[in-house]
């Protein structure tokens, strides 16, 4: 048999071992990428993940199907200190978003508040280190978001996040608070998490003055007088 050169032997070794090395490198890079995403988002994802119109949700980074009903959906709750069952323009309120699920210890969230035209309604402020505020441009408009922080993602069987919301300066009618919660299995990657989206309606307070005016006659002739009837609740100042 003929003696083979060192160069030929090296070429054969590369032929067999290079694909394996490439596969290991790709796998390692993928695992690092998955872990990096998981660790980075532990302090809150970028804005635009509340499932509001024009937005995505946390399933963009976490595997699983978005839940919009069922037991986990019902475990997402909202409390506030509204007066008269709703908001008064230019008033500031404390709102708390809560989620409970036995056996879970890591949780994430993001929320925003929009009016009927899908525009940002009101503004947010932090009250604890468990939340932070971020923003994003969606459909040409800037929206603000509340999200969890690294110090606000742990809990035993549940987690609550409190923050301040200042209502719009004028009555905008019913507003929608879009929320997404991530119930995490804490395995260090993006698999096996539960993502829930729930919407809450914020209505104007019943304490706001309401005025109504109408005409006594529905059909009149030119030059005739019309009697106007006015009424109101909670002391309106004009009609």
C-alpha atoms as a PDB file:
ATOM      1  CA  UNK A   1       0.000   0.000   0.000  1.00  0.00           C
ATOM      2  CA  UNK A   2       1.103   3.515  -0.681  1.00  0.00           C
ATOM      3  CA  UNK A   3       2.121   5.811   2.157  1.00  0.00           C
ATOM      4  CA  UNK A   4      -0.305   8.731   2.510  1.00  0.00           C
ATOM      5  CA  UNK A   5       0.882  12.216   3.221  1.00  0.00           C
ATOM      6  CA  UNK A   6       0.055  14.127   6.417  1.00  0.00           C
ATOM      7  CA  UNK A   7      -1.891  16.628   4.315  1.00  0.00           C
ATOM      8  CA  UNK A   8      -4.122  13.882   2.875  1.00  0.00           C
ATOM      9  CA  UNK A   9      -4.797  12.481   6.340  1.00  0.00           C
ATOM     10  CA  UNK A  10      -5.763  15.926   7.667  1.00  0.00           C
ATOM     11  CA  UNK A  11      -8.121  16.448   4.738  1.00  0.00           C
ATOM     12  CA  UNK A  12      -9.912  13.177   5.485  1.00  0.00           C
ATOM     13  CA  UNK A  13     -10.225  14.041   9.174  1.00  0.00           C
ATOM     14  CA  UNK A  14     -11.700  17.450   8.338  1.00  0.00           C
ATOM     15  CA  UNK A  15     -14.138  15.765   5.972  1.00  0.00           C
ATOM     16  CA  UNK A  16     -15.541  13.625   8.785  1.00  0.00           C
ATOM     17  CA  UNK A  17     -15.246  15.940  11.754  1.00  0.00           C
ATOM     18  CA  UNK A  18     -15.946  19.471  10.389  1.00  0.00           C
ATOM     19  CA  UNK A  19     -19.756  18.961   9.974  1.00  0.00           C
ATOM     20  CA  UNK A  20     -19.957  17.671  13.541  1.00  0.00           C
ATOM     21  CA  UNK A  21     -18.047  20.678  14.811  1.00  0.00           C
ATOM     22  CA  UNK A  22     -20.341  23.001  12.865  1.00  0.00           C
ATOM     23  CA  UNK A  23     -23.430  21.263  14.292  1.00  0.00           C
ATOM     24  CA  UNK A  24     -22.130  21.580  17.849  1.00  0.00           C
ATOM     25  CA  UNK A  25     -21.282  25.249  17.296  1.00  0.00           C
ATOM     26  CA  UNK A  26     -24.731  25.998  15.861  1.00  0.00           C
ATOM     27  CA  UNK A  27     -26.473  24.139  18.692  1.00  0.00           C
ATOM     28  CA  UNK A  28     -24.409  25.956  21.311  1.00  0.00           C
ATOM     29  CA  UNK A  29     -25.116  29.348  19.737  1.00  0.00           C
ATOM     30  CA  UNK A  30     -28.843  28.552  19.630  1.00  0.00           C
ATOM     31  CA  UNK A  31     -28.904  27.576  23.305  1.00  0.00           C
ATOM     32  CA  UNK A  32     -27.019  30.742  24.270  1.00  0.00           C
ATOM     33  CA  UNK A  33     -29.477  32.803  22.221  1.00  0.00           C
ATOM     34  CA  UNK A  34     -32.516  31.173  23.865  1.00  0.00           C
ATOM     35  CA  UNK A  35     -31.046  31.609  27.344  1.00  0.00           C
ATOM     36  CA  UNK A  36     -30.091  35.223  26.610  1.00  0.00           C
ATOM     37  CA  UNK A  37     -33.653  36.052  25.507  1.00  0.00           C
ATOM     38  CA  UNK A  38     -35.067  34.414  28.630  1.00  0.00           C
ATOM     39  CA  UNK A  39     -32.668  36.209  30.977  1.00  0.00           C
ATOM     40  CA  UNK A  40     -33.002  39.570  29.208  1.00  0.00           C
ATOM     41  CA  UNK A  41     -36.815  39.533  29.321  1.00  0.00           C
ATOM     42  CA  UNK A  42     -36.769  38.684  33.013  1.00  0.00           C
ATOM     43  CA  UNK A  43     -36.494  42.435  33.508  1.00  0.00           C
ATOM     44  CA  UNK A  44     -39.327  43.233  31.097  1.00  0.00           C
ATOM     45  CA  UNK A  45     -39.775  42.882  27.351  1.00  0.00           C
ATOM     46  CA  UNK A  46     -39.698  45.766  24.870  1.00  0.00           C
ATOM     47  CA  UNK A  47     -42.974  47.637  24.379  1.00  0.00           C
ATOM     48  CA  UNK A  48     -45.693  46.372  22.059  1.00  0.00           C
ATOM     49  CA  UNK A  49     -46.360  42.956  23.678  1.00  0.00           C
ATOM     50  CA  UNK A  50     -49.824  43.553  25.215  1.00  0.00           C
ATOM     51  CA  UNK A  51     -51.898  41.974  22.400  1.00  0.00           C
ATOM     52  CA  UNK A  52     -53.517  45.388  21.821  1.00  0.00           C
ATOM     53  CA  UNK A  53     -54.487  46.319  18.237  1.00  0.00           C
ATOM     54  CA  UNK A  54     -51.337  46.433  16.086  1.00  0.00           C
ATOM     55  CA  UNK A  55     -49.228  44.627  18.715  1.00  0.00           C
ATOM     56  CA  UNK A  56     -47.844  41.150  19.336  1.00  0.00           C
ATOM     57  CA  UNK A  57     -47.667  39.304  22.643  1.00  0.00           C
ATOM     58  CA  UNK A  58     -45.170  37.241  24.642  1.00  0.00           C
ATOM     59  CA  UNK A  59     -45.601  34.164  22.430  1.00  0.00           C
ATOM     60  CA  UNK A  60     -43.189  35.898  20.045  1.00  0.00           C
ATOM     61  CA  UNK A  61     -40.375  34.857  22.412  1.00  0.00           C
ATOM     62  CA  UNK A  62     -42.042  32.116  24.469  1.00  0.00           C
ATOM     63  CA  UNK A  63     -43.426  28.896  23.004  1.00  0.00           C
ATOM     64  CA  UNK A  64     -47.068  27.996  23.510  1.00  0.00           C
ATOM     65  CA  UNK A  65     -50.535  29.159  22.489  1.00  0.00           C
ATOM     66  CA  UNK A  66     -51.963  32.461  23.723  1.00  0.00           C
ATOM     67  CA  UNK A  67     -54.742  31.844  26.269  1.00  0.00           C
ATOM     68  CA  UNK A  68     -57.753  34.200  26.164  1.00  0.00           C
ATOM     69  CA  UNK A  69     -60.188  32.134  28.253  1.00  0.00           C
ATOM     70  CA  UNK A  70     -60.231  29.363  30.843  1.00  0.00           C
ATOM     71  CA  UNK A  71     -58.907  28.921  34.370  1.00  0.00           C
ATOM     72  CA  UNK A  72     -55.598  30.756  33.903  1.00  0.00           C
ATOM     73  CA  UNK A  73     -57.427  33.614  32.155  1.00  0.00           C
ATOM     74  CA  UNK A  74     -59.772  33.951  35.141  1.00  0.00           C
ATOM     75  CA  UNK A  75     -56.780  34.065  37.498  1.00  0.00           C
ATOM     76  CA  UNK A  76     -55.761  37.454  36.025  1.00  0.00           C
ATOM     77  CA  UNK A  77     -57.453  40.207  38.049  1.00  0.00           C
ATOM     78  CA  UNK A  78     -57.409  43.997  38.341  1.00  0.00           C
ATOM     79  CA  UNK A  79     -58.159  46.229  41.327  1.00  0.00           C
ATOM     80  CA  UNK A  80     -58.201  50.027  41.630  1.00  0.00           C
ATOM     81  CA  UNK A  81     -59.305  52.872  43.868  1.00  0.00           C
ATOM     82  CA  UNK A  82     -61.722  54.502  41.422  1.00  0.00           C
ATOM     83  CA  UNK A  83     -64.580  56.570  42.888  1.00  0.00           C
ATOM     84  CA  UNK A  84     -68.065  56.185  41.483  1.00  0.00           C
ATOM     85  CA  UNK A  85     -67.000  52.990  39.732  1.00  0.00           C
ATOM     86  CA  UNK A  86     -64.753  54.723  37.201  1.00  0.00           C
ATOM     87  CA  UNK A  87     -62.214  57.400  36.390  1.00  0.00           C
ATOM     88  CA  UNK A  88     -62.504  61.177  36.674  1.00  0.00           C
ATOM     89  CA  UNK A  89     -60.427  63.131  34.111  1.00  0.00           C
ATOM     90  CA  UNK A  90     -57.006  64.330  35.315  1.00  0.00           C
ATOM     91  CA  UNK A  91     -57.200  62.192  38.459  1.00  0.00           C
ATOM     92  CA  UNK A  92     -54.468  59.752  39.525  1.00  0.00           C
ATOM     93  CA  UNK A  93     -55.295  56.247  40.706  1.00  0.00           C
ATOM     94  CA  UNK A  94     -53.442  53.204  42.023  1.00  0.00           C
ATOM     95  CA  UNK A  95     -54.075  50.100  39.922  1.00  0.00           C
ATOM     96  CA  UNK A  96     -52.933  46.578  40.799  1.00  0.00           C
ATOM     97  CA  UNK A  97     -52.665  43.712  38.328  1.00  0.00           C
ATOM     98  CA  UNK A  98     -52.556  40.261  39.947  1.00  0.00           C
ATOM     99  CA  UNK A  99     -52.119  36.673  38.804  1.00  0.00           C
ATOM    100  CA  UNK A 100     -52.287  33.429  40.790  1.00  0.00           C
ATOM    101  CA  UNK A 101     -51.271  29.900  39.808  1.00  0.00           C
ATOM    102  CA  UNK A 102     -50.254  27.162  42.221  1.00  0.00           C
ATOM    103  CA  UNK A 103     -46.779  25.733  41.770  1.00  0.00           C
ATOM    104  CA  UNK A 104     -45.401  28.694  39.801  1.00  0.00           C
ATOM    105  CA  UNK A 105     -42.659  31.018  41.045  1.00  0.00           C
ATOM    106  CA  UNK A 106     -41.732  33.275  38.085  1.00  0.00           C
ATOM    107  CA  UNK A 107     -44.069  35.750  36.414  1.00  0.00           C
ATOM    108  CA  UNK A 108     -43.953  38.541  33.857  1.00  0.00           C
ATOM    109  CA  UNK A 109     -46.416  41.130  32.589  1.00  0.00           C
ATOM    110  CA  UNK A 110     -46.947  44.087  30.285  1.00  0.00           C
ATOM    111  CA  UNK A 111     -49.949  46.380  29.879  1.00  0.00           C
ATOM    112  CA  UNK A 112     -51.115  49.559  28.192  1.00  0.00           C
ATOM    113  CA  UNK A 113     -54.304  51.669  28.135  1.00  0.00           C
ATOM    114  CA  UNK A 114     -55.988  52.810  24.895  1.00  0.00           C
ATOM    115  CA  UNK A 115     -59.100  54.796  23.987  1.00  0.00           C
ATOM    116  CA  UNK A 116     -61.714  53.879  21.371  1.00  0.00           C
ATOM    117  CA  UNK A 117     -59.438  55.121  18.583  1.00  0.00           C
ATOM    118  CA  UNK A 118     -56.556  52.908  19.803  1.00  0.00           C
ATOM    119  CA  UNK A 119     -54.623  55.947  21.024  1.00  0.00           C
ATOM    120  CA  UNK A 120     -52.769  56.106  24.328  1.00  0.00           C
ATOM    121  CA  UNK A 121     -55.130  57.047  27.174  1.00  0.00           C
ATOM    122  CA  UNK A 122     -53.619  58.617  30.282  1.00  0.00           C
ATOM    123  CA  UNK A 123     -50.119  58.056  31.635  1.00  0.00           C
ATOM    124  CA  UNK A 124     -48.312  55.627  33.958  1.00  0.00           C
ATOM    125  CA  UNK A 125     -45.924  56.034  36.895  1.00  0.00           C
ATOM    126  CA  UNK A 126     -44.069  53.534  39.066  1.00  0.00           C
ATOM    127  CA  UNK A 127     -44.985  53.109  42.722  1.00  0.00           C
ATOM    128  CA  UNK A 128     -42.564  50.243  43.537  1.00  0.00           C
ATOM    129  CA  UNK A 129     -39.360  48.718  42.115  1.00  0.00           C
ATOM    130  CA  UNK A 130     -41.444  45.801  40.782  1.00  0.00           C
ATOM    131  CA  UNK A 131     -42.436  47.746  37.646  1.00  0.00           C
ATOM    132  CA  UNK A 132     -40.852  50.000  35.052  1.00  0.00           C
ATOM    133  CA  UNK A 133     -42.248  52.193  32.286  1.00  0.00           C
ATOM    134  CA  UNK A 134     -41.289  51.926  28.628  1.00  0.00           C
ATOM    135  CA  UNK A 135     -42.734  53.151  25.322  1.00  0.00           C
ATOM    136  CA  UNK A 136     -43.038  52.110  21.707  1.00  0.00           C
ATOM    137  CA  UNK A 137     -44.394  53.599  18.477  1.00  0.00           C
ATOM    138  CA  UNK A 138     -47.336  51.546  17.174  1.00  0.00           C
ATOM    139  CA  UNK A 139     -49.237  52.476  14.004  1.00  0.00           C
ATOM    140  CA  UNK A 140     -47.637  55.930  14.038  1.00  0.00           C
ATOM    141  CA  UNK A 141     -48.556  56.726  17.659  1.00  0.00           C
ATOM    142  CA  UNK A 142     -46.530  56.470  20.857  1.00  0.00           C
ATOM    143  CA  UNK A 143     -47.850  54.131  23.524  1.00  0.00           C
ATOM    144  CA  UNK A 144     -46.631  53.750  27.103  1.00  0.00           C
ATOM    145  CA  UNK A 145     -46.330  50.423  28.901  1.00  0.00           C
ATOM    146  CA  UNK A 146     -45.976  49.071  32.419  1.00  0.00           C
ATOM    147  CA  UNK A 147     -43.819  45.926  32.685  1.00  0.00           C
ATOM    148  CA  UNK A 148     -42.230  43.822  35.415  1.00  0.00           C
ATOM    149  CA  UNK A 149     -38.633  44.307  36.524  1.00  0.00           C
ATOM    150  CA  UNK A 150     -36.070  41.718  37.601  1.00  0.00           C
ATOM    151  CA  UNK A 151     -37.029  42.425  41.204  1.00  0.00           C
ATOM    152  CA  UNK A 152     -40.721  42.034  40.377  1.00  0.00           C
ATOM    153  CA  UNK A 153     -40.865  38.669  38.618  1.00  0.00           C
ATOM    154  CA  UNK A 154     -40.798  36.254  41.578  1.00  0.00           C
ATOM    155  CA  UNK A 155     -43.605  35.006  43.779  1.00  0.00           C
ATOM    156  CA  UNK A 156     -44.974  31.898  45.459  1.00  0.00           C
ATOM    157  CA  UNK A 157     -48.051  30.796  43.562  1.00  0.00           C
ATOM    158  CA  UNK A 158     -48.684  34.265  42.175  1.00  0.00           C
ATOM    159  CA  UNK A 159     -47.566  37.852  41.788  1.00  0.00           C
ATOM    160  CA  UNK A 160     -49.080  41.362  41.971  1.00  0.00           C
ATOM    161  CA  UNK A 161     -47.853  44.587  40.370  1.00  0.00           C
ATOM    162  CA  UNK A 162     -49.047  48.035  41.500  1.00  0.00           C
ATOM    163  CA  UNK A 163     -48.588  51.280  39.594  1.00  0.00           C
ATOM    164  CA  UNK A 164     -50.165  54.711  39.157  1.00  0.00           C
ATOM    165  CA  UNK A 165     -52.364  55.695  36.242  1.00  0.00           C
ATOM    166  CA  UNK A 166     -53.400  59.289  35.580  1.00  0.00           C
ATOM    167  CA  UNK A 167     -56.624  59.513  33.597  1.00  0.00           C
ATOM    168  CA  UNK A 168     -56.858  61.604  30.385  1.00  0.00           C
ATOM    169  CA  UNK A 169     -57.559  65.307  30.857  1.00  0.00           C
ATOM    170  CA  UNK A 170     -61.023  64.924  29.290  1.00  0.00           C
ATOM    171  CA  UNK A 171     -63.725  62.280  29.367  1.00  0.00           C
ATOM    172  CA  UNK A 172     -62.760  59.712  26.690  1.00  0.00           C
ATOM    173  CA  UNK A 173     -65.608  57.314  27.409  1.00  0.00           C
ATOM    174  CA  UNK A 174     -64.773  53.647  27.946  1.00  0.00           C
ATOM    175  CA  UNK A 175     -61.061  52.846  27.834  1.00  0.00           C
ATOM    176  CA  UNK A 176     -59.397  49.434  27.466  1.00  0.00           C
ATOM    177  CA  UNK A 177     -56.511  48.196  29.578  1.00  0.00           C
ATOM    178  CA  UNK A 178     -54.717  45.518  27.537  1.00  0.00           C
ATOM    179  CA  UNK A 179     -52.710  43.090  29.681  1.00  0.00           C
ATOM    180  CA  UNK A 180     -50.490  40.076  28.998  1.00  0.00           C
ATOM    181  CA  UNK A 181     -49.179  37.834  31.793  1.00  0.00           C
ATOM    182  CA  UNK A 182     -46.430  35.214  31.510  1.00  0.00           C
ATOM    183  CA  UNK A 183     -46.588  32.341  33.998  1.00  0.00           C
ATOM    184  CA  UNK A 184     -43.050  30.971  33.764  1.00  0.00           C
ATOM    185  CA  UNK A 185     -41.844  27.444  34.584  1.00  0.00           C
ATOM    186  CA  UNK A 186     -38.419  28.905  35.517  1.00  0.00           C
ATOM    187  CA  UNK A 187     -36.408  26.365  33.485  1.00  0.00           C
ATOM    188  CA  UNK A 188     -34.021  28.945  31.998  1.00  0.00           C
ATOM    189  CA  UNK A 189     -35.374  28.826  28.436  1.00  0.00           C
ATOM    190  CA  UNK A 190     -38.479  29.860  26.505  1.00  0.00           C
ATOM    191  CA  UNK A 191     -40.334  26.537  26.550  1.00  0.00           C
ATOM    192  CA  UNK A 192     -43.263  25.480  28.719  1.00  0.00           C
ATOM    193  CA  UNK A 193     -44.438  28.966  29.724  1.00  0.00           C
ATOM    194  CA  UNK A 194     -48.103  30.000  29.881  1.00  0.00           C
ATOM    195  CA  UNK A 195     -49.069  33.298  28.189  1.00  0.00           C
ATOM    196  CA  UNK A 196     -52.452  34.865  28.999  1.00  0.00           C
ATOM    197  CA  UNK A 197     -54.022  37.982  27.442  1.00  0.00           C
ATOM    198  CA  UNK A 198     -56.920  39.731  29.160  1.00  0.00           C
ATOM    199  CA  UNK A 199     -58.639  43.076  28.586  1.00  0.00           C
ATOM    200  CA  UNK A 200     -60.244  45.283  31.244  1.00  0.00           C
ATOM    201  CA  UNK A 201     -62.663  48.162  30.613  1.00  0.00           C
ATOM    202  CA  UNK A 202     -62.118  51.457  32.471  1.00  0.00           C
ATOM    203  CA  UNK A 203     -65.329  53.502  32.373  1.00  0.00           C
ATOM    204  CA  UNK A 204     -65.972  57.140  33.356  1.00  0.00           C
ATOM    205  CA  UNK A 205     -67.052  57.691  36.956  1.00  0.00           C
ATOM    206  CA  UNK A 206     -70.755  57.880  37.756  1.00  0.00           C
ATOM    207  CA  UNK A 207     -69.882  61.001  39.801  1.00  0.00           C
ATOM    208  CA  UNK A 208     -69.185  63.035  36.658  1.00  0.00           C
ATOM    209  CA  UNK A 209     -71.840  65.669  35.830  1.00  0.00           C
ATOM    210  CA  UNK A 210     -74.133  64.682  32.983  1.00  0.00           C
ATOM    211  CA  UNK A 211     -76.233  67.260  31.129  1.00  0.00           C
ATOM    212  CA  UNK A 212     -78.958  66.742  28.560  1.00  0.00           C
ATOM    213  CA  UNK A 213     -81.006  69.227  26.519  1.00  0.00           C
ATOM    214  CA  UNK A 214     -83.909  68.703  24.147  1.00  0.00           C
ATOM    215  CA  UNK A 215     -86.557  70.674  22.249  1.00  0.00           C
ATOM    216  CA  UNK A 216     -90.209  70.555  23.325  1.00  0.00           C
ATOM    217  CA  UNK A 217     -91.324  70.730  19.680  1.00  0.00           C
ATOM    218  CA  UNK A 218     -89.861  68.439  17.037  1.00  0.00           C
ATOM    219  CA  UNK A 219     -91.397  70.293  14.066  1.00  0.00           C
ATOM    220  CA  UNK A 220     -91.340  74.094  13.846  1.00  0.00           C
ATOM    221  CA  UNK A 221     -91.918  76.781  11.223  1.00  0.00           C
ATOM    222  CA  UNK A 222     -89.585  79.601  10.288  1.00  0.00           C
ATOM    223  CA  UNK A 223     -89.787  82.450  12.796  1.00  0.00           C
ATOM    224  CA  UNK A 224     -91.455  80.331  15.485  1.00  0.00           C
ATOM    225  CA  UNK A 225     -90.185  80.054  19.053  1.00  0.00           C
ATOM    226  CA  UNK A 226     -88.773  76.795  20.376  1.00  0.00           C
ATOM    227  CA  UNK A 227     -88.882  75.765  24.020  1.00  0.00           C
ATOM    228  CA  UNK A 228     -85.711  73.973  25.192  1.00  0.00           C
ATOM    229  CA  UNK A 229     -85.774  71.616  28.139  1.00  0.00           C
ATOM    230  CA  UNK A 230     -82.598  70.993  30.139  1.00  0.00           C
ATOM    231  CA  UNK A 231     -81.779  68.538  32.906  1.00  0.00           C
ATOM    232  CA  UNK A 232     -78.708  67.069  34.539  1.00  0.00           C
ATOM    233  CA  UNK A 233     -77.150  65.078  37.342  1.00  0.00           C
ATOM    234  CA  UNK A 234     -74.211  65.851  39.626  1.00  0.00           C
ATOM    235  CA  UNK A 235     -74.553  69.623  39.109  1.00  0.00           C
ATOM    236  CA  UNK A 236     -73.550  70.326  35.477  1.00  0.00           C
ATOM    237  CA  UNK A 237     -72.515  73.948  34.887  1.00  0.00           C
ATOM    238  CA  UNK A 238     -73.542  74.264  31.238  1.00  0.00           C
ATOM    239  CA  UNK A 239     -75.712  72.636  28.589  1.00  0.00           C
END
